[in-house]
Each structure stands twice: as C-alpha cells, then as structure tokens.
Amino acid sequence: DLSELAFQASDLQGGIAKSQLALELQTTSERLSNFPSPASLHRAVEQHESLANWVRESATLQERARGLAERRQDGFEQAIVDLRAQLKAGQNADACAKDELES
C-alpha cells in the first residue's frame, strides 16, 4: 500500500511538472507570437535608415541655403557700397564740373 502511494505521488509530481512545463511553453509561445516578424523588423530598419538619410540630406540642404543667403546678403551689401562709391564719384564729378563752369 505504501509503495503504491509513493508511486502515485511520484506519478502525480511528474504530471504536475509536465503541466508546469506545458504552461511555461504556452506562455513563451504567446510572448514570441507578439514579437514582430524578421521581415517586419527588416522593413523597420530600412525605414529608420531612410528617415536618417532624409534628415541628413535636409540638414545639408538647409546649410547650403544658409550659405546662399549669406552670399546673397554679402552681394547686396557690396552692391550698396559700390553704388555709394559711384554716387560719391558722380557728386565729385558734378562738383568739379560746376567749379569749372564757374571759373
């Protein structure tokens, strides 16, 4: 009787262990099913790389635009300086002509 009970207890413990293992396996399987597929991970990486490239290109274009705007501003400032010099030269020429006419 005692050996029969020991055998049943051992069999019961084995069944419990198998049930726990089956439950762990099911839980692990459910967790894995929630993970994205390798293909979707690959697409996500490609999209991330594409976005990173776009951000770099955008920064480069912004820098170029800033450089062009600065050169344009420098050009305007130089044009103003040149026009002022021409105006002053014209005023000096007018003054010289006026002096010659008066003399």
PDB file of N, CA and C in Angstrom:
ATOM      1  N   ASP A   1       0.812  -1.196   0.000  1.00  0.00           N
ATOM      2  CA  ASP A   1       0.000   0.000   0.000  1.00  0.00           C
ATOM      3  C   ASP A   1       0.863   1.271   0.000  1.00  0.00           C
ATOM      4  N   LEU A   2       1.848   1.242   0.843  1.00  0.00           N
ATOM      5  CA  LEU A   2       2.743   2.389   0.961  1.00  0.00           C
ATOM      6  C   LEU A   2       3.528   2.605  -0.324  1.00  0.00           C
ATOM      7  N   SER A   3       3.976   1.550  -0.925  1.00  0.00           N
ATOM      8  CA  SER A   3       4.724   1.681  -2.173  1.00  0.00           C
ATOM      9  C   SER A   3       3.798   2.152  -3.291  1.00  0.00           C
ATOM     10  N   GLU A   4       2.535   1.706  -3.224  1.00  0.00           N
ATOM     11  CA  GLU A   4       1.558   2.160  -4.229  1.00  0.00           C
ATOM     12  C   GLU A   4       1.309   3.653  -4.085  1.00  0.00           C
ATOM     13  N   LEU A   5       1.205   4.142  -2.840  1.00  0.00           N
ATOM     14  CA  LEU A   5       1.007   5.567  -2.594  1.00  0.00           C
ATOM     15  C   LEU A   5       2.236   6.360  -3.056  1.00  0.00           C
ATOM     16  N   ALA A   6       3.406   5.850  -2.812  1.00  0.00           N
ATOM     17  CA  ALA A   6       4.643   6.515  -3.227  1.00  0.00           C
ATOM     18  C   ALA A   6       4.679   6.601  -4.752  1.00  0.00           C
ATOM     19  N   PHE A   7       4.266   5.511  -5.396  1.00  0.00           N
ATOM     20  CA  PHE A   7       4.253   5.500  -6.850  1.00  0.00           C
ATOM     21  C   PHE A   7       3.250   6.519  -7.393  1.00  0.00           C
ATOM     22  N   GLN A   8       2.055   6.600  -6.775  1.00  0.00           N
ATOM     23  CA  GLN A   8       1.033   7.551  -7.205  1.00  0.00           C
ATOM     24  C   GLN A   8       1.513   8.997  -6.974  1.00  0.00           C
ATOM     25  N   ALA A   9       2.178   9.219  -5.836  1.00  0.00           N
ATOM     26  CA  ALA A   9       2.694  10.551  -5.518  1.00  0.00           C
ATOM     27  C   ALA A   9       3.747  10.952  -6.546  1.00  0.00           C
ATOM     28  N   SER A  10       4.613  10.020  -6.866  1.00  0.00           N
ATOM     29  CA  SER A  10       5.655  10.285  -7.857  1.00  0.00           C
ATOM     30  C   SER A  10       5.020  10.563  -9.213  1.00  0.00           C
ATOM     31  N   ASP A  11       4.014   9.780  -9.569  1.00  0.00           N
ATOM     32  CA  ASP A  11       3.319   9.966 -10.835  1.00  0.00           C
ATOM     33  C   ASP A  11       2.612  11.321 -10.860  1.00  0.00           C
ATOM     34  N   LEU A  12       2.020  11.698  -9.722  1.00  0.00           N
ATOM     35  CA  LEU A  12       1.333  12.979  -9.594  1.00  0.00           C
ATOM     36  C   LEU A  12       2.331  14.131  -9.727  1.00  0.00           C
ATOM     37  N   GLN A  13       3.490  14.013  -9.092  1.00  0.00           N
ATOM     38  CA  GLN A  13       4.523  15.049  -9.186  1.00  0.00           C
ATOM     39  C   GLN A  13       5.014  15.190 -10.633  1.00  0.00           C
ATOM     40  N   GLY A  14       5.158  14.059 -11.299  1.00  0.00           N
ATOM     41  CA  GLY A  14       5.572  14.089 -12.713  1.00  0.00           C
ATOM     42  C   GLY A  14       4.531  14.788 -13.568  1.00  0.00           C
ATOM     43  N   GLY A  15       3.259  14.523 -13.290  1.00  0.00           N
ATOM     44  CA  GLY A  15       2.161  15.173 -14.032  1.00  0.00           C
ATOM     45  C   GLY A  15       2.138  16.676 -13.786  1.00  0.00           C
ATOM     46  N   ILE A  16       2.374  17.053 -12.524  1.00  0.00           N
ATOM     47  CA  ILE A  16       2.409  18.481 -12.175  1.00  0.00           C
ATOM     48  C   ILE A  16       3.573  19.160 -12.906  1.00  0.00           C
ATOM     49  N   ALA A  17       4.715  18.499 -12.881  1.00  0.00           N
ATOM     50  CA  ALA A  17       5.887  19.052 -13.556  1.00  0.00           C
ATOM     51  C   ALA A  17       5.612  19.213 -15.056  1.00  0.00           C
ATOM     52  N   LYS A  18       4.975  18.217 -15.673  1.00  0.00           N
ATOM     53  CA  LYS A  18       4.645  18.298 -17.097  1.00  0.00           C
ATOM     54  C   LYS A  18       3.654  19.433 -17.357  1.00  0.00           C
ATOM     55  N   SER A  19       2.693  19.613 -16.472  1.00  0.00           N
ATOM     56  CA  SER A  19       1.705  20.687 -16.628  1.00  0.00           C
ATOM     57  C   SER A  19       2.376  22.052 -16.527  1.00  0.00           C
ATOM     58  N   GLN A  20       3.283  22.186 -15.559  1.00  0.00           N
ATOM     59  CA  GLN A  20       4.006  23.454 -15.405  1.00  0.00           C
ATOM     60  C   GLN A  20       4.851  23.743 -16.646  1.00  0.00           C
ATOM     61  N   LEU A  21       5.502  22.718 -17.151  1.00  0.00           N
ATOM     62  CA  LEU A  21       6.327  22.869 -18.343  1.00  0.00           C
ATOM     63  C   LEU A  21       5.460  23.253 -19.541  1.00  0.00           C
ATOM     64  N   ALA A  22       4.301  22.624 -19.668  1.00  0.00           N
ATOM     65  CA  ALA A  22       3.393  22.938 -20.773  1.00  0.00           C
ATOM     66  C   ALA A  22       2.892  24.378 -20.659  1.00  0.00           C
ATOM     67  N   LEU A  23       2.598  24.822 -19.448  1.00  0.00           N
ATOM     68  CA  LEU A  23       2.142  26.196 -19.225  1.00  0.00           C
ATOM     69  C   LEU A  23       3.249  27.194 -19.582  1.00  0.00           C
ATOM     70  N   GLU A  24       4.477  26.909 -19.155  1.00  0.00           N
ATOM     71  CA  GLU A  24       5.610  27.776 -19.488  1.00  0.00           C
ATOM     72  C   GLU A  24       5.827  27.823 -20.996  1.00  0.00           C
ATOM     73  N   LEU A  25       5.707  26.687 -21.645  1.00  0.00           N
ATOM     74  CA  LEU A  25       5.874  26.622 -23.089  1.00  0.00           C
ATOM     75  C   LEU A  25       4.793  27.438 -23.792  1.00  0.00           C
ATOM     76  N   GLN A  26       3.560  27.350 -23.323  1.00  0.00           N
ATOM     77  CA  GLN A  26       2.464  28.118 -23.912  1.00  0.00           C
ATOM     78  C   GLN A  26       2.690  29.614 -23.707  1.00  0.00           C
ATOM     79  N   THR A  27       3.110  30.012 -22.500  1.00  0.00           N
ATOM     80  CA  THR A  27       3.370  31.423 -22.203  1.00  0.00           C
ATOM     81  C   THR A  27       4.497  31.963 -23.088  1.00  0.00           C
ATOM     82  N   THR A  28       5.557  31.176 -23.220  1.00  0.00           N
ATOM     83  CA  THR A  28       6.683  31.584 -24.071  1.00  0.00           C
ATOM     84  C   THR A  28       6.238  31.701 -25.517  1.00  0.00           C
ATOM     85  N   SER A  29       5.430  30.762 -25.963  1.00  0.00           N
ATOM     86  CA  SER A  29       4.918  30.787 -27.335  1.00  0.00           C
ATOM     87  C   SER A  29       4.061  32.032 -27.566  1.00  0.00           C
ATOM     88  N   GLU A  30       3.228  32.381 -26.594  1.00  0.00           N
ATOM     89  CA  GLU A  30       2.392  33.583 -26.719  1.00  0.00           C
ATOM     90  C   GLU A  30       3.256  34.835 -26.777  1.00  0.00           C
ATOM     91  N   ARG A  31       4.293  34.895 -25.956  1.00  0.00           N
ATOM     92  CA  ARG A  31       5.195  36.055 -25.975  1.00  0.00           C
ATOM     93  C   ARG A  31       5.890  36.166 -27.328  1.00  0.00           C
ATOM     94  N   LEU A  32       6.349  35.032 -27.839  1.00  0.00           N
ATOM     95  CA  LEU A  32       7.039  35.040 -29.131  1.00  0.00           C
ATOM     96  C   LEU A  32       6.108  35.447 -30.260  1.00  0.00           C
ATOM     97  N   SER A  33       4.843  35.077 -30.153  1.00  0.00           N
ATOM     98  CA  SER A  33       3.902  35.431 -31.223  1.00  0.00           C
ATOM     99  C   SER A  33       3.643  36.930 -31.252  1.00  0.00           C
ATOM    100  N   ASN A  34       3.889  37.619 -30.147  1.00  0.00           N
ATOM    101  CA  ASN A  34       3.707  39.069 -30.097  1.00  0.00           C
ATOM    102  C   ASN A  34       4.902  39.816 -30.687  1.00  0.00           C
ATOM    103  N   PHE A  35       6.025  39.124 -30.884  1.00  0.00           N
ATOM    104  CA  PHE A  35       7.212  39.757 -31.453  1.00  0.00           C
ATOM    105  C   PHE A  35       7.002  39.949 -32.943  1.00  0.00           C
ATOM    106  N   PRO A  36       7.540  41.045 -33.491  1.00  0.00           N
ATOM    107  CA  PRO A  36       7.408  41.239 -34.938  1.00  0.00           C
ATOM    108  C   PRO A  36       8.225  40.201 -35.710  1.00  0.00           C
ATOM    109  N   SER A  37       7.793  39.979 -36.920  1.00  0.00           N
ATOM    110  CA  SER A  37       8.499  39.004 -37.762  1.00  0.00           C
ATOM    111  C   SER A  37       9.833  39.589 -38.215  1.00  0.00           C
ATOM    112  N   PRO A  38      10.775  38.736 -38.602  1.00  0.00           N
ATOM    113  CA  PRO A  38      12.057  39.255 -39.114  1.00  0.00           C
ATOM    114  C   PRO A  38      11.867  40.184 -40.310  1.00  0.00           C
ATOM    115  N   ALA A  39      10.906  39.885 -41.169  1.00  0.00           N
ATOM    116  CA  ALA A  39      10.661  40.736 -42.341  1.00  0.00           C
ATOM    117  C   ALA A  39      10.194  42.129 -41.908  1.00  0.00           C
ATOM    118  N   SER A  40       9.303  42.183 -40.907  1.00  0.00           N
ATOM    119  CA  SER A  40       8.820  43.491 -40.468  1.00  0.00           C
ATOM    120  C   SER A  40       9.927  44.249 -39.724  1.00  0.00           C
ATOM    121  N   LEU A  41      10.776  43.533 -39.008  1.00  0.00           N
ATOM    122  CA  LEU A  41      11.925  44.192 -38.371  1.00  0.00           C
ATOM    123  C   LEU A  41      12.862  44.756 -39.433  1.00  0.00           C
ATOM    124  N   HIS A  42      13.081  44.002 -40.501  1.00  0.00           N
ATOM    125  CA  HIS A  42      13.938  44.456 -41.595  1.00  0.00           C
ATOM    126  C   HIS A  42      13.359  45.721 -42.239  1.00  0.00           C
ATOM    127  N   ARG A  43      12.043  45.724 -42.468  1.00  0.00           N
ATOM    128  CA  ARG A  43      11.385  46.903 -43.041  1.00  0.00           C
ATOM    129  C   ARG A  43      11.523  48.103 -42.106  1.00  0.00           C
ATOM    130  N   ALA A  44      11.380  47.868 -40.807  1.00  0.00           N
ATOM    131  CA  ALA A  44      11.506  48.966 -39.841  1.00  0.00           C
ATOM    132  C   ALA A  44      12.916  49.540 -39.854  1.00  0.00           C
ATOM    133  N   VAL A  45      13.911  48.675 -39.948  1.00  0.00           N
ATOM    134  CA  VAL A  45      15.298  49.145 -40.018  1.00  0.00           C
ATOM    135  C   VAL A  45      15.512  49.952 -41.293  1.00  0.00           C
ATOM    136  N   GLU A  46      14.989  49.472 -42.411  1.00  0.00           N
ATOM    137  CA  GLU A  46      15.120  50.202 -43.677  1.00  0.00           C
ATOM    138  C   GLU A  46      14.439  51.564 -43.589  1.00  0.00           C
ATOM    139  N   GLN A  47      13.259  51.610 -42.975  1.00  0.00           N
ATOM    140  CA  GLN A  47      12.545  52.877 -42.837  1.00  0.00           C
ATOM    141  C   GLN A  47      13.328  53.832 -41.941  1.00  0.00           C
ATOM    142  N   HIS A  48      13.916  53.306 -40.874  1.00  0.00           N
ATOM    143  CA  HIS A  48      14.724  54.131 -39.972  1.00  0.00           C
ATOM    144  C   HIS A  48      15.931  54.689 -40.723  1.00  0.00           C
ATOM    145  N   GLU A  49      16.605  53.849 -41.500  1.00  0.00           N
ATOM    146  CA  GLU A  49      17.770  54.297 -42.265  1.00  0.00           C
ATOM    147  C   GLU A  49      17.362  55.337 -43.303  1.00  0.00           C
ATOM    148  N   SER A  50      16.217  55.124 -43.937  1.00  0.00           N
ATOM    149  CA  SER A  50      15.725  56.076 -44.929  1.00  0.00           C
ATOM    150  C   SER A  50      15.430  57.421 -44.276  1.00  0.00           C
ATOM    151  N   LEU A  51      14.802  57.385 -43.120  1.00  0.00           N
ATOM    152  CA  LEU A  51      14.497  58.618 -42.394  1.00  0.00           C
ATOM    153  C   LEU A  51      15.779  59.315 -41.957  1.00  0.00           C
ATOM    154  N   ALA A  52      16.756  58.557 -41.486  1.00  0.00           N
ATOM    155  CA  ALA A  52      18.031  59.139 -41.078  1.00  0.00           C
ATOM    156  C   ALA A  52      18.721  59.799 -42.266  1.00  0.00           C
ATOM    157  N   ASN A  53      18.680  59.158 -43.437  1.00  0.00           N
ATOM    158  CA  ASN A  53      19.257  59.756 -44.648  1.00  0.00           C
ATOM    159  C   ASN A  53      18.535  61.042 -45.012  1.00  0.00           C
ATOM    160  N   TRP A  54      17.211  61.017 -44.921  1.00  0.00           N
ATOM    161  CA  TRP A  54      16.432  62.210 -45.235  1.00  0.00           C
ATOM    162  C   TRP A  54      16.796  63.352 -44.297  1.00  0.00           C
ATOM    163  N   VAL A  55      16.961  63.062 -43.013  1.00  0.00           N
ATOM    164  CA  VAL A  55      17.323  64.101 -42.037  1.00  0.00           C
ATOM    165  C   VAL A  55      18.695  64.678 -42.376  1.00  0.00           C
ATOM    166  N   ARG A  56      19.659  63.805 -42.726  1.00  0.00           N
ATOM    167  CA  ARG A  56      20.992  64.290 -43.107  1.00  0.00           C
ATOM    168  C   ARG A  56      20.935  65.155 -44.361  1.00  0.00           C
ATOM    169  N   GLU A  57      20.178  64.697 -45.365  1.00  0.00           N
ATOM    170  CA  GLU A  57      20.056  65.471 -46.597  1.00  0.00           C
ATOM    171  C   GLU A  57      19.381  66.810 -46.339  1.00  0.00           C
ATOM    172  N   SER A  58      18.379  66.798 -45.491  1.00  0.00           N
ATOM    173  CA  SER A  58      17.673  68.027 -45.150  1.00  0.00           C
ATOM    174  C   SER A  58      18.623  69.014 -44.464  1.00  0.00           C
ATOM    175  N   ALA A  59      19.432  68.526 -43.554  1.00  0.00           N
ATOM    176  CA  ALA A  59      20.400  69.387 -42.871  1.00  0.00           C
ATOM    177  C   ALA A  59      21.406  69.954 -43.862  1.00  0.00           C
ATOM    178  N   THR A  60      21.845  69.135 -44.815  1.00  0.00           N
ATOM    179  CA  THR A  60      22.788  69.602 -45.835  1.00  0.00           C
ATOM    180  C   THR A  60      22.148  70.694 -46.691  1.00  0.00           C
ATOM    181  N   LEU A  61      20.907  70.478 -47.107  1.00  0.00           N
ATOM    182  CA  LEU A  61      20.210  71.480 -47.914  1.00  0.00           C
ATOM    183  C   LEU A  61      19.991  72.771 -47.134  1.00  0.00           C
ATOM    184  N   GLN A  62      19.672  72.664 -45.856  1.00  0.00           N
ATOM    185  CA  GLN A  62      19.492  73.860 -45.030  1.00  0.00           C
ATOM    186  C   GLN A  62      20.802  74.638 -44.923  1.00  0.00           C
ATOM    187  N   GLU A  63      21.910  73.918 -44.777  1.00  0.00           N
ATOM    188  CA  GLU A  63      23.217  74.555 -44.686  1.00  0.00           C
ATOM    189  C   GLU A  63      23.557  75.258 -46.006  1.00  0.00           C
ATOM    190  N   ARG A  64      23.275  74.598 -47.117  1.00  0.00           N
ATOM    191  CA  ARG A  64      23.513  75.226 -48.428  1.00  0.00           C
ATOM    192  C   ARG A  64      22.661  76.483 -48.585  1.00  0.00           C
ATOM    193  N   ALA A  65      21.404  76.395 -48.188  1.00  0.00           N
ATOM    194  CA  ALA A  65      20.509  77.548 -48.292  1.00  0.00           C
ATOM    195  C   ALA A  65      21.025  78.698 -47.438  1.00  0.00           C
ATOM    196  N   ARG A  66      21.513  78.399 -46.243  1.00  0.00           N
ATOM    197  CA  ARG A  66      22.087  79.448 -45.383  1.00  0.00           C
ATOM    198  C   ARG A  66      23.291  80.098 -46.061  1.00  0.00           C
ATOM    199  N   GLY A  67      24.151  79.252 -46.648  1.00  0.00           N
ATOM    200  CA  GLY A  67      25.336  79.770 -47.344  1.00  0.00           C
ATOM    201  C   GLY A  67      24.950  80.665 -48.509  1.00  0.00           C
ATOM    202  N   LEU A  68      23.957  80.244 -49.296  1.00  0.00           N
ATOM    203  CA  LEU A  68      23.497  81.061 -50.423  1.00  0.00           C
ATOM    204  C   LEU A  68      22.912  82.378 -49.935  1.00  0.00           C
ATOM    205  N   ALA A  69      22.136  82.321 -48.868  1.00  0.00           N
ATOM    206  CA  ALA A  69      21.535  83.544 -48.318  1.00  0.00           C
ATOM    207  C   ALA A  69      22.625  84.493 -47.814  1.00  0.00           C
ATOM    208  N   GLU A  70      23.655  83.952 -47.181  1.00  0.00           N
ATOM    209  CA  GLU A  70      24.744  84.796 -46.695  1.00  0.00           C
ATOM    210  C   GLU A  70      25.496  85.426 -47.864  1.00  0.00           C
ATOM    211  N   ARG A  71      25.767  84.629 -48.915  1.00  0.00           N
ATOM    212  CA  ARG A  71      26.457  85.179 -50.088  1.00  0.00           C
ATOM    213  C   ARG A  71      25.601  86.238 -50.777  1.00  0.00           C
ATOM    214  N   ARG A  72      24.306  85.982 -50.822  1.00  0.00           N
ATOM    215  CA  ARG A  72      23.401  86.956 -51.429  1.00  0.00           C
ATOM    216  C   ARG A  72      23.404  88.242 -50.616  1.00  0.00           C
ATOM    217  N   GLN A  73      23.358  88.118 -49.308  1.00  0.00           N
ATOM    218  CA  GLN A  73      23.391  89.297 -48.432  1.00  0.00           C
ATOM    219  C   GLN A  73      24.705  90.042 -48.622  1.00  0.00           C
ATOM    220  N   ASP A  74      25.811  89.287 -48.668  1.00  0.00           N
ATOM    221  CA  ASP A  74      27.116  89.913 -48.897  1.00  0.00           C
ATOM    222  C   ASP A  74      27.128  90.640 -50.240  1.00  0.00           C
ATOM    223  N   GLY A  75      26.522  90.044 -51.251  1.00  0.00           N
ATOM    224  CA  GLY A  75      26.437  90.669 -52.574  1.00  0.00           C
ATOM    225  C   GLY A  75      25.638  91.956 -52.537  1.00  0.00           C
ATOM    226  N   PHE A  76      24.519  91.948 -51.798  1.00  0.00           N
ATOM    227  CA  PHE A  76      23.719  93.166 -51.664  1.00  0.00           C
ATOM    228  C   PHE A  76      24.512  94.253 -50.963  1.00  0.00           C
ATOM    229  N   GLU A  77      25.178  93.868 -49.888  1.00  0.00           N
ATOM    230  CA  GLU A  77      25.965  94.857 -49.144  1.00  0.00           C
ATOM    231  C   GLU A  77      27.073  95.437 -50.013  1.00  0.00           C
ATOM    232  N   GLN A  78      27.737  94.577 -50.814  1.00  0.00           N
ATOM    233  CA  GLN A  78      28.794  95.064 -51.707  1.00  0.00           C
ATOM    234  C   GLN A  78      28.208  95.971 -52.786  1.00  0.00           C
ATOM    235  N   ALA A  79      27.037  95.606 -53.291  1.00  0.00           N
ATOM    236  CA  ALA A  79      26.387  96.441 -54.308  1.00  0.00           C
ATOM    237  C   ALA A  79      26.057  97.814 -53.736  1.00  0.00           C
ATOM    238  N   ILE A  80      25.608  97.871 -52.496  1.00  0.00           N
ATOM    239  CA  ILE A  80      25.300  99.155 -51.845  1.00  0.00           C
ATOM    240  C   ILE A  80      26.571  99.985 -51.707  1.00  0.00           C
ATOM    241  N   VAL A  81      27.663  99.341 -51.274  1.00  0.00           N
ATOM    242  CA  VAL A  81      28.942 100.044 -51.143  1.00  0.00           C
ATOM    243  C   VAL A  81      29.375 100.586 -52.504  1.00  0.00           C
ATOM    244  N   ASP A  82      29.254  99.750 -53.551  1.00  0.00           N
ATOM    245  CA  ASP A  82      29.640 100.180 -54.897  1.00  0.00           C
ATOM    246  C   ASP A  82      28.778 101.345 -55.380  1.00  0.00           C
ATOM    247  N   LEU A  83      27.465 101.255 -55.147  1.00  0.00           N
ATOM    248  CA  LEU A  83      26.570 102.347 -55.569  1.00  0.00           C
ATOM    249  C   LEU A  83      26.879 103.643 -54.832  1.00  0.00           C
ATOM    250  N   ARG A  84      27.183 103.510 -53.551  1.00  0.00           N
ATOM    251  CA  ARG A  84      27.549 104.720 -52.788  1.00  0.00           C
ATOM    252  C   ARG A  84      28.826 105.335 -53.339  1.00  0.00           C
ATOM    253  N   ALA A  85      29.790 104.480 -53.679  1.00  0.00           N
ATOM    254  CA  ALA A  85      31.044 104.979 -54.242  1.00  0.00           C
ATOM    255  C   ALA A  85      30.780 105.659 -55.587  1.00  0.00           C
ATOM    256  N   GLN A  86      29.921 105.059 -56.420  1.00  0.00           N
ATOM    257  CA  GLN A  86      29.592 105.668 -57.705  1.00  0.00           C
ATOM    258  C   GLN A  86      28.864 106.999 -57.513  1.00  0.00           C
ATOM    259  N   LEU A  87      27.960 107.021 -56.550  1.00  0.00           N
ATOM    260  CA  LEU A  87      27.223 108.245 -56.262  1.00  0.00           C
ATOM    261  C   LEU A  87      28.178 109.341 -55.804  1.00  0.00           C
ATOM    262  N   LYS A  88      29.091 108.981 -54.916  1.00  0.00           N
ATOM    263  CA  LYS A  88      30.059 109.956 -54.424  1.00  0.00           C
ATOM    264  C   LYS A  88      30.961 110.434 -55.566  1.00  0.00           C
ATOM    265  N   ALA A  89      31.381 109.479 -56.423  1.00  0.00           N
ATOM    266  CA  ALA A  89      32.213 109.864 -57.571  1.00  0.00           C
ATOM    267  C   ALA A  89      31.430 110.786 -58.496  1.00  0.00           C
ATOM    268  N   GLY A  90      30.159 110.482 -58.699  1.00  0.00           N
ATOM    269  CA  GLY A  90      29.304 111.335 -59.532  1.00  0.00           C
ATOM    270  C   GLY A  90      29.133 112.708 -58.915  1.00  0.00           C
ATOM    271  N   GLN A  91      28.943 112.755 -57.601  1.00  0.00           N
ATOM    272  CA  GLN A  91      28.801 114.035 -56.920  1.00  0.00           C
ATOM    273  C   GLN A  91      30.100 114.844 -57.026  1.00  0.00           C
ATOM    274  N   ASN A  92      31.237 114.136 -56.883  1.00  0.00           N
ATOM    275  CA  ASN A  92      32.531 114.818 -57.019  1.00  0.00           C
ATOM    276  C   ASN A  92      32.715 115.337 -58.437  1.00  0.00           C
ATOM    277  N   ALA A  93      32.303 114.517 -59.427  1.00  0.00           N
ATOM    278  CA  ALA A  93      32.417 114.949 -60.823  1.00  0.00           C
ATOM    279  C   ALA A  93      31.521 116.152 -61.074  1.00  0.00           C
ATOM    280  N   ASP A  94      30.310 116.138 -60.507  1.00  0.00           N
ATOM    281  CA  ASP A  94      29.394 117.265 -60.653  1.00  0.00           C
ATOM    282  C   ASP A  94      29.998 118.525 -60.036  1.00  0.00           C
ATOM    283  N   ALA A  95      30.598 118.349 -58.852  1.00  0.00           N
ATOM    284  CA  ALA A  95      31.203 119.499 -58.162  1.00  0.00           C
ATOM    285  C   ALA A  95      32.357 120.059 -58.982  1.00  0.00           C
ATOM    286  N   CYS A  96      33.177 119.159 -59.550  1.00  0.00           N
ATOM    287  CA  CYS A  96      34.306 119.590 -60.380  1.00  0.00           C
ATOM    288  C   CYS A  96      33.799 120.321 -61.623  1.00  0.00           C
ATOM    289  N   ALA A  97      32.757 119.790 -62.256  1.00  0.00           N
ATOM    290  CA  ALA A  97      32.207 120.416 -63.457  1.00  0.00           C
ATOM    291  C   ALA A  97      31.629 121.761 -63.109  1.00  0.00           C
ATOM    292  N   LYS A  98      30.965 121.852 -61.977  1.00  0.00           N
ATOM    293  CA  LYS A  98      30.353 123.115 -61.542  1.00  0.00           C
ATOM    294  C   LYS A  98      31.464 124.128 -61.297  1.00  0.00           C
ATOM    295  N   ASP A  99      32.547 123.699 -60.645  1.00  0.00           N
ATOM    296  CA  ASP A  99      33.674 124.611 -60.380  1.00  0.00           C
ATOM    297  C   ASP A  99      34.285 125.104 -61.688  1.00  0.00           C
ATOM    298  N   GLU A 100      34.396 124.211 -62.660  1.00  0.00           N
ATOM    299  CA  GLU A 100      34.990 124.598 -63.954  1.00  0.00           C
ATOM    300  C   GLU A 100      34.074 125.573 -64.683  1.00  0.00           C
ATOM    301  N   LEU A 101      32.761 125.347 -64.570  1.00  0.00           N
ATOM    302  CA  LEU A 101      31.825 126.251 -65.227  1.00  0.00           C
ATOM    303  C   LEU A 101      31.855 127.633 -64.574  1.00  0.00           C
ATOM    304  N   GLU A 102      32.018 127.643 -63.284  1.00  0.00           N
ATOM    305  CA  GLU A 102      32.013 128.913 -62.562  1.00  0.00           C
ATOM    306  C   GLU A 102      33.313 129.674 -62.788  1.00  0.00           C
ATOM    307  N   SER A 103      34.381 128.987 -63.114  1.00  0.00           N
ATOM    308  CA  SER A 103      35.646 129.687 -63.267  1.00  0.00           C
ATOM    309  C   SER A 103      35.939 130.088 -64.688  1.00  0.00           C
TER     310      SER A 103
END
